[in-house]
Amino acid sequence: MRKIEEILRLHHECGRSNREIAQAVRASPTTVGDYLRRARLGGFGWPLPDGLSESALEAALFPPLPAATVKRPEPNWAAVHRQVGRSGVTLDLLWQEYRECHPDGYQYSGFCEHYRALARALPVTLRQSHAPGERLFVDYSGQTVTIIDVATGEERQAQIFVAVLGASSYTYVEATWTQGLGDWIGSQVRCLEYLGGAPQLLVPDYVSRHIIGLLWPSPLCGLAPAAGSAAGRSPSGRAHNSQSDSSHSSRSGSRCQTPFRGYAGDSAGGGTHRAMAASFMRMLTSA
């Protein structure tokens, strides 16, 4: 309630100042002055006419604003909705592009209000439910940040690793120099240490160069491991499973149902990466 009647009573009957009235009704002196000005312009004094309710008084002092008569050019809302889902695209950026084409178009607040009304009317699809502690989604953001060496002024681009728990959207973020397997596994190890536990599932994005072969025995995944690190490696550096490659290729790149698959990396660093992967998996299986 706006407490208009009480403000009028304190002003006319008690002779209180705007500041005293504001303290009594817990409003600002500016608001009190605005109410008194509206009452004066509307011809309302004290006492108020009999039978005049608070809601009727409010409607008299605060009439609805007339509908806008200016016709604004409408954006392509379908294109706006498609762009909003892209990385790095915000409503503010889309509004600036819209105003460049239509200087007499919507202001930013009106642009956002119309878009959100449209988005609420769209059917909701791909709704997912996540149990607490069930899934941790891990990926790189796709954008980099610039790191400047204060001693030399050299600039380097750092990759942004992001991990999000599905149920709570609790997020872990860190920067690494590369997206190589060493940084990839190291970021996940530090994330799990920070969280103080491990989820049932780690859900990474598909990174084809990180997938070459299995790193542990077949009882964990139902597939036989490579016969040997040297014998099971193709000339391209990719390890082969001892089973026929046709069954693997027929899945059109689908993932093996294993807790983890590894990337051997360069020949000099393959052993280190495999050791890191084994340490990483021991952490998962022991949690």
Protein backbone atom coordinates (compact mmCIF):
# COMPACT_ATOMS: atom_id res chain seq x y z
CA MET A 1 0.00 0.00 0.00
CA ARG A 2 1.18 3.53 -0.76
CA LYS A 3 -0.23 4.95 2.55
CA ILE A 4 -1.54 8.01 0.74
CA GLU A 5 -4.35 8.59 3.23
CA GLU A 6 -1.96 8.54 6.19
CA ILE A 7 0.39 10.98 4.45
CA LEU A 8 -2.49 13.40 3.80
CA ARG A 9 -3.69 13.11 7.41
CA LEU A 10 -0.26 13.80 8.90
CA HIS A 11 0.22 16.76 6.57
CA HIS A 12 -3.16 18.47 6.92
CA GLU A 13 -4.32 17.40 10.37
CA CYS A 14 -1.01 17.19 12.27
CA GLY A 15 1.00 19.76 10.34
CA ARG A 16 4.05 17.52 10.05
CA SER A 17 6.92 18.23 7.69
CA ASN A 18 7.71 16.02 4.73
CA ARG A 19 10.74 14.60 6.54
CA GLU A 20 8.72 13.75 9.68
CA ILE A 21 5.98 12.15 7.58
CA ALA A 22 8.59 10.16 5.65
CA GLN A 23 10.00 8.76 8.91
CA ALA A 24 6.51 7.87 10.14
CA VAL A 25 5.41 5.99 7.01
CA ARG A 26 8.92 4.70 6.13
CA ALA A 27 9.15 6.43 2.79
CA SER A 28 11.51 9.02 1.34
CA PRO A 29 10.75 12.77 1.68
CA THR A 30 10.73 12.97 -2.11
CA THR A 31 7.96 10.37 -2.29
CA VAL A 32 5.93 12.21 0.35
CA GLY A 33 6.29 15.48 -1.59
CA ASP A 34 5.20 13.76 -4.81
CA TYR A 35 2.07 12.33 -3.14
CA LEU A 36 1.12 15.72 -1.71
CA ARG A 37 1.66 17.38 -5.09
CA ARG A 38 -0.53 14.83 -6.85
CA ALA A 39 -3.26 15.26 -4.22
CA ARG A 40 -3.16 19.02 -4.62
CA LEU A 41 -3.39 18.81 -8.42
CA GLY A 42 -6.23 16.30 -8.12
CA GLY A 43 -8.20 18.53 -5.75
CA PHE A 44 -7.96 16.25 -2.74
CA GLY A 45 -7.67 17.89 0.67
CA TRP A 46 -8.47 16.69 4.15
CA PRO A 47 -10.71 15.06 5.19
CA LEU A 48 -11.22 12.92 2.15
CA PRO A 49 -14.70 12.44 0.68
CA ASP A 50 -16.78 9.78 2.41
CA GLY A 51 -16.65 6.37 0.79
CA LEU A 52 -13.36 7.03 -1.03
CA SER A 53 -11.21 3.94 -0.61
CA GLU A 54 -7.43 3.84 -0.62
CA SER A 55 -7.39 2.00 -3.95
CA ALA A 56 -9.74 4.53 -5.54
CA LEU A 57 -7.59 7.39 -4.24
CA GLU A 58 -4.48 5.72 -5.65
CA ALA A 59 -6.15 5.26 -9.04
CA ALA A 60 -7.10 8.95 -9.08
CA LEU A 61 -3.59 10.14 -8.19
CA PHE A 62 -1.76 7.62 -10.40
CA PRO A 63 -3.73 7.26 -13.64
CA PRO A 64 -2.39 4.75 -16.18
CA LEU A 65 0.02 6.12 -18.74
CA PRO A 66 -1.36 6.55 -22.25
CA ALA A 67 -0.35 3.86 -24.71
CA ALA A 68 2.65 4.72 -26.82
CA THR A 69 1.67 5.89 -30.28
CA VAL A 70 5.15 5.70 -31.81
CA LYS A 71 5.62 2.58 -33.90
CA ARG A 72 9.11 1.13 -33.35
CA PRO A 73 10.83 -0.99 -36.01
CA GLU A 74 10.79 -4.60 -34.86
CA PRO A 75 14.03 -6.61 -34.78
CA ASN A 76 14.22 -10.05 -36.33
CA TRP A 77 13.38 -11.78 -33.06
CA ALA A 78 14.01 -15.27 -34.46
CA ALA A 79 17.55 -14.26 -35.44
CA VAL A 80 18.05 -12.56 -32.06
CA HIS A 81 17.00 -15.75 -30.26
CA ARG A 82 19.42 -17.85 -32.32
CA GLN A 83 22.29 -15.44 -31.66
CA VAL A 84 21.73 -15.30 -27.89
CA GLY A 85 22.82 -18.92 -27.53
CA ARG A 86 26.21 -18.29 -29.17
CA SER A 87 29.40 -17.89 -27.17
CA GLY A 88 30.21 -14.27 -26.34
CA VAL A 89 26.89 -12.89 -27.61
CA THR A 90 24.82 -10.80 -25.18
CA LEU A 91 21.54 -8.93 -25.47
CA ASP A 92 23.46 -5.68 -25.11
CA LEU A 93 25.61 -6.51 -28.15
CA LEU A 94 22.55 -7.50 -30.21
CA TRP A 95 20.75 -4.32 -29.15
CA GLN A 96 23.70 -2.17 -30.27
CA GLU A 97 23.66 -3.87 -33.68
CA TYR A 98 19.90 -3.32 -33.86
CA ARG A 99 20.22 0.40 -33.03
CA GLU A 100 22.91 0.82 -35.68
CA CYS A 101 20.35 -0.29 -38.28
CA HIS A 102 17.36 1.40 -36.57
CA PRO A 103 18.39 4.55 -34.64
CA ASP A 104 14.71 5.19 -33.80
CA GLY A 105 14.22 1.66 -32.45
CA TYR A 106 13.66 0.35 -28.95
CA GLN A 107 15.75 1.49 -26.04
CA TYR A 108 17.76 -1.24 -24.32
CA SER A 109 15.18 -1.85 -21.58
CA GLY A 110 12.35 -2.16 -24.11
CA PHE A 111 14.46 -4.42 -26.32
CA CYS A 112 15.15 -6.79 -23.39
CA GLU A 113 11.51 -6.71 -22.23
CA HIS A 114 10.18 -7.64 -25.67
CA TYR A 115 12.76 -10.38 -26.14
CA ARG A 116 12.08 -11.97 -22.75
CA ALA A 117 8.34 -11.90 -23.41
CA LEU A 118 9.02 -13.72 -26.67
CA ALA A 119 11.37 -16.23 -25.01
CA ARG A 120 8.79 -17.05 -22.33
CA ALA A 121 6.26 -17.87 -25.03
CA LEU A 122 8.58 -20.32 -26.81
CA PRO A 123 8.24 -24.04 -26.02
CA VAL A 124 10.85 -25.36 -23.63
CA THR A 125 12.90 -28.23 -25.04
CA LEU A 126 15.85 -30.33 -23.94
CA ARG A 127 14.97 -30.01 -20.29
CA GLN A 128 17.42 -32.09 -18.24
CA SER A 129 17.28 -33.26 -14.65
CA HIS A 130 20.49 -33.86 -12.71
CA ALA A 131 20.81 -35.67 -9.40
CA PRO A 132 23.14 -33.98 -6.89
CA GLY A 133 26.72 -35.22 -7.29
CA GLU A 134 25.88 -37.26 -10.37
CA ARG A 135 27.52 -35.33 -13.23
CA LEU A 136 30.37 -32.87 -13.59
CA PHE A 137 30.54 -31.22 -17.01
CA VAL A 138 34.06 -30.22 -18.09
CA ASP A 139 35.17 -28.27 -21.13
CA TYR A 140 37.17 -25.28 -22.32
CA SER A 141 35.23 -22.05 -22.75
CA GLY A 142 36.49 -21.48 -26.29
CA GLN A 143 37.67 -17.99 -25.40
CA THR A 144 41.11 -16.99 -24.12
CA VAL A 145 42.42 -14.33 -21.75
CA THR A 146 45.56 -12.30 -22.22
CA ILE A 147 48.30 -12.73 -19.61
CA ILE A 148 50.96 -10.01 -19.53
CA ASP A 149 54.40 -10.60 -18.07
CA VAL A 150 54.99 -7.53 -15.88
CA ALA A 151 58.77 -7.89 -16.24
CA THR A 152 59.01 -8.19 -20.03
CA GLY A 153 55.62 -6.97 -21.24
CA GLU A 154 55.17 -10.20 -23.22
CA GLU A 155 51.57 -11.19 -23.87
CA ARG A 156 50.37 -14.80 -23.90
CA GLN A 157 46.95 -16.26 -24.38
CA ALA A 158 45.67 -18.58 -21.64
CA GLN A 159 42.95 -21.19 -22.09
CA ILE A 160 39.95 -21.17 -19.74
CA PHE A 161 38.97 -24.54 -18.24
CA VAL A 162 35.40 -24.69 -16.86
CA ALA A 163 33.75 -27.43 -14.77
CA VAL A 164 30.09 -27.23 -13.72
CA LEU A 165 28.10 -29.55 -11.44
CA GLY A 166 24.85 -30.43 -13.19
CA ALA A 167 22.44 -30.18 -10.27
CA SER A 168 23.66 -26.99 -8.57
CA SER A 169 25.53 -25.27 -11.45
CA TYR A 170 28.42 -24.85 -8.98
CA THR A 171 31.30 -23.77 -11.19
CA TYR A 172 35.07 -24.19 -11.08
CA VAL A 173 37.20 -22.12 -13.49
CA GLU A 174 40.95 -21.92 -14.01
CA ALA A 175 43.39 -20.75 -16.67
CA THR A 176 46.05 -22.92 -18.28
CA TRP A 177 48.52 -22.25 -21.05
CA THR A 178 47.30 -25.01 -23.40
CA GLN A 179 44.49 -27.48 -23.96
CA GLY A 180 46.96 -30.38 -24.11
CA LEU A 181 46.36 -33.54 -22.14
CA GLY A 182 48.71 -32.51 -19.33
CA ASP A 183 46.74 -29.31 -18.68
CA TRP A 184 43.43 -31.06 -19.39
CA ILE A 185 43.95 -33.77 -16.77
CA GLY A 186 45.72 -31.44 -14.36
CA SER A 187 42.76 -29.04 -14.40
CA GLN A 188 40.35 -31.87 -13.63
CA VAL A 189 42.54 -33.16 -10.80
CA ARG A 190 42.69 -29.70 -9.22
CA CYS A 191 38.94 -29.30 -9.71
CA LEU A 192 38.19 -32.55 -7.88
CA GLU A 193 40.60 -31.61 -5.10
CA TYR A 194 38.84 -28.25 -4.78
CA LEU A 195 35.40 -29.89 -4.70
CA GLY A 196 36.60 -32.41 -2.12
CA GLY A 197 35.18 -35.42 -3.95
CA ALA A 198 34.33 -36.93 -7.32
CA PRO A 199 30.99 -37.21 -9.15
CA GLN A 200 29.62 -40.44 -10.54
CA LEU A 201 30.24 -39.23 -14.09
CA LEU A 202 32.61 -36.79 -15.76
CA VAL A 203 31.02 -35.44 -18.94
CA PRO A 204 33.63 -33.86 -21.25
CA ASP A 205 33.09 -32.34 -24.66
CA TYR A 206 34.31 -34.38 -27.61
CA VAL A 207 37.99 -33.68 -28.29
CA SER A 208 39.05 -36.03 -31.07
CA ARG A 209 42.81 -35.64 -30.61
CA HIS A 210 42.50 -36.71 -26.97
CA ILE A 211 40.97 -40.10 -27.86
CA ILE A 212 43.32 -42.81 -29.04
CA GLY A 213 42.93 -45.93 -26.94
CA LEU A 214 42.18 -47.51 -23.60
CA LEU A 215 44.39 -46.98 -20.61
CA TRP A 216 43.32 -49.92 -18.42
CA PRO A 217 42.32 -53.54 -18.53
CA SER A 218 39.27 -54.85 -20.27
CA PRO A 219 37.26 -55.82 -17.10
CA LEU A 220 36.52 -52.11 -16.59
CA CYS A 221 35.05 -51.55 -20.04
CA GLY A 222 34.48 -54.87 -21.75
CA LEU A 223 37.10 -54.17 -24.43
CA ALA A 224 40.63 -55.53 -24.74
CA PRO A 225 43.49 -53.04 -24.29
CA ALA A 226 46.19 -52.48 -26.85
CA ALA A 227 48.60 -55.40 -27.18
CA GLY A 228 51.59 -53.14 -26.47
CA SER A 229 52.50 -49.52 -26.50
CA ALA A 230 54.72 -50.00 -29.55
CA ALA A 231 52.93 -52.86 -31.31
CA GLY A 232 49.54 -51.31 -30.78
CA ARG A 233 50.44 -47.94 -32.28
CA SER A 234 49.80 -46.96 -35.86
CA PRO A 235 52.27 -44.93 -37.94
CA SER A 236 50.17 -41.85 -37.21
CA GLY A 237 50.86 -42.25 -33.49
CA ARG A 238 47.38 -43.51 -32.55
CA ALA A 239 47.13 -46.65 -30.44
CA HIS A 240 45.01 -49.46 -31.83
CA ASN A 241 42.76 -51.81 -29.93
CA SER A 242 43.53 -55.48 -30.45
CA GLN A 243 39.97 -55.98 -31.66
CA SER A 244 39.02 -55.22 -35.22
CA ASP A 245 39.01 -51.50 -36.02
CA SER A 246 35.85 -52.01 -38.05
CA SER A 247 33.72 -52.33 -34.93
CA HIS A 248 35.18 -49.09 -33.58
CA SER A 249 34.77 -47.15 -36.81
CA SER A 250 31.19 -48.38 -37.26
CA ARG A 251 30.22 -46.37 -34.22
CA SER A 252 31.02 -43.19 -36.19
CA GLY A 253 33.16 -41.71 -33.49
CA SER A 254 30.93 -42.67 -30.56
CA ARG A 255 32.62 -42.82 -27.21
CA CYS A 256 33.65 -46.04 -25.55
CA GLN A 257 31.74 -46.58 -22.31
CA THR A 258 34.80 -46.24 -20.11
CA PRO A 259 35.53 -43.84 -17.27
CA PHE A 260 38.38 -42.32 -19.26
CA ARG A 261 40.22 -42.55 -22.54
CA GLY A 262 43.60 -40.97 -23.04
CA TYR A 263 45.79 -39.08 -25.44
CA ALA A 264 49.40 -40.16 -25.63
CA GLY A 265 50.54 -36.78 -26.89
CA ASP A 266 54.04 -36.36 -28.24
CA SER A 267 56.34 -39.35 -28.01
CA ALA A 268 58.47 -37.61 -25.38
CA GLY A 269 55.55 -36.87 -23.10
CA GLY A 270 53.38 -39.94 -23.60
CA GLY A 271 54.65 -41.77 -20.51
CA THR A 272 54.11 -38.74 -18.30
CA HIS A 273 50.59 -38.29 -19.60
CA ARG A 274 49.73 -41.93 -19.05
CA ALA A 275 51.02 -41.70 -15.47
CA MET A 276 48.90 -38.60 -14.89
CA ALA A 277 45.88 -40.37 -16.35
CA ALA A 278 46.38 -43.38 -14.09
CA SER A 279 46.69 -41.10 -11.04
CA PHE A 280 43.58 -39.27 -12.13
CA MET A 281 41.58 -42.46 -12.42
CA ARG A 282 42.77 -43.77 -9.05
CA MET A 283 41.34 -40.60 -7.54
CA LEU A 284 38.00 -41.22 -9.25
CA THR A 285 37.72 -44.88 -8.38
CA SER A 286 38.69 -44.33 -4.75
CA ALA A 287 36.14 -41.51 -4.18
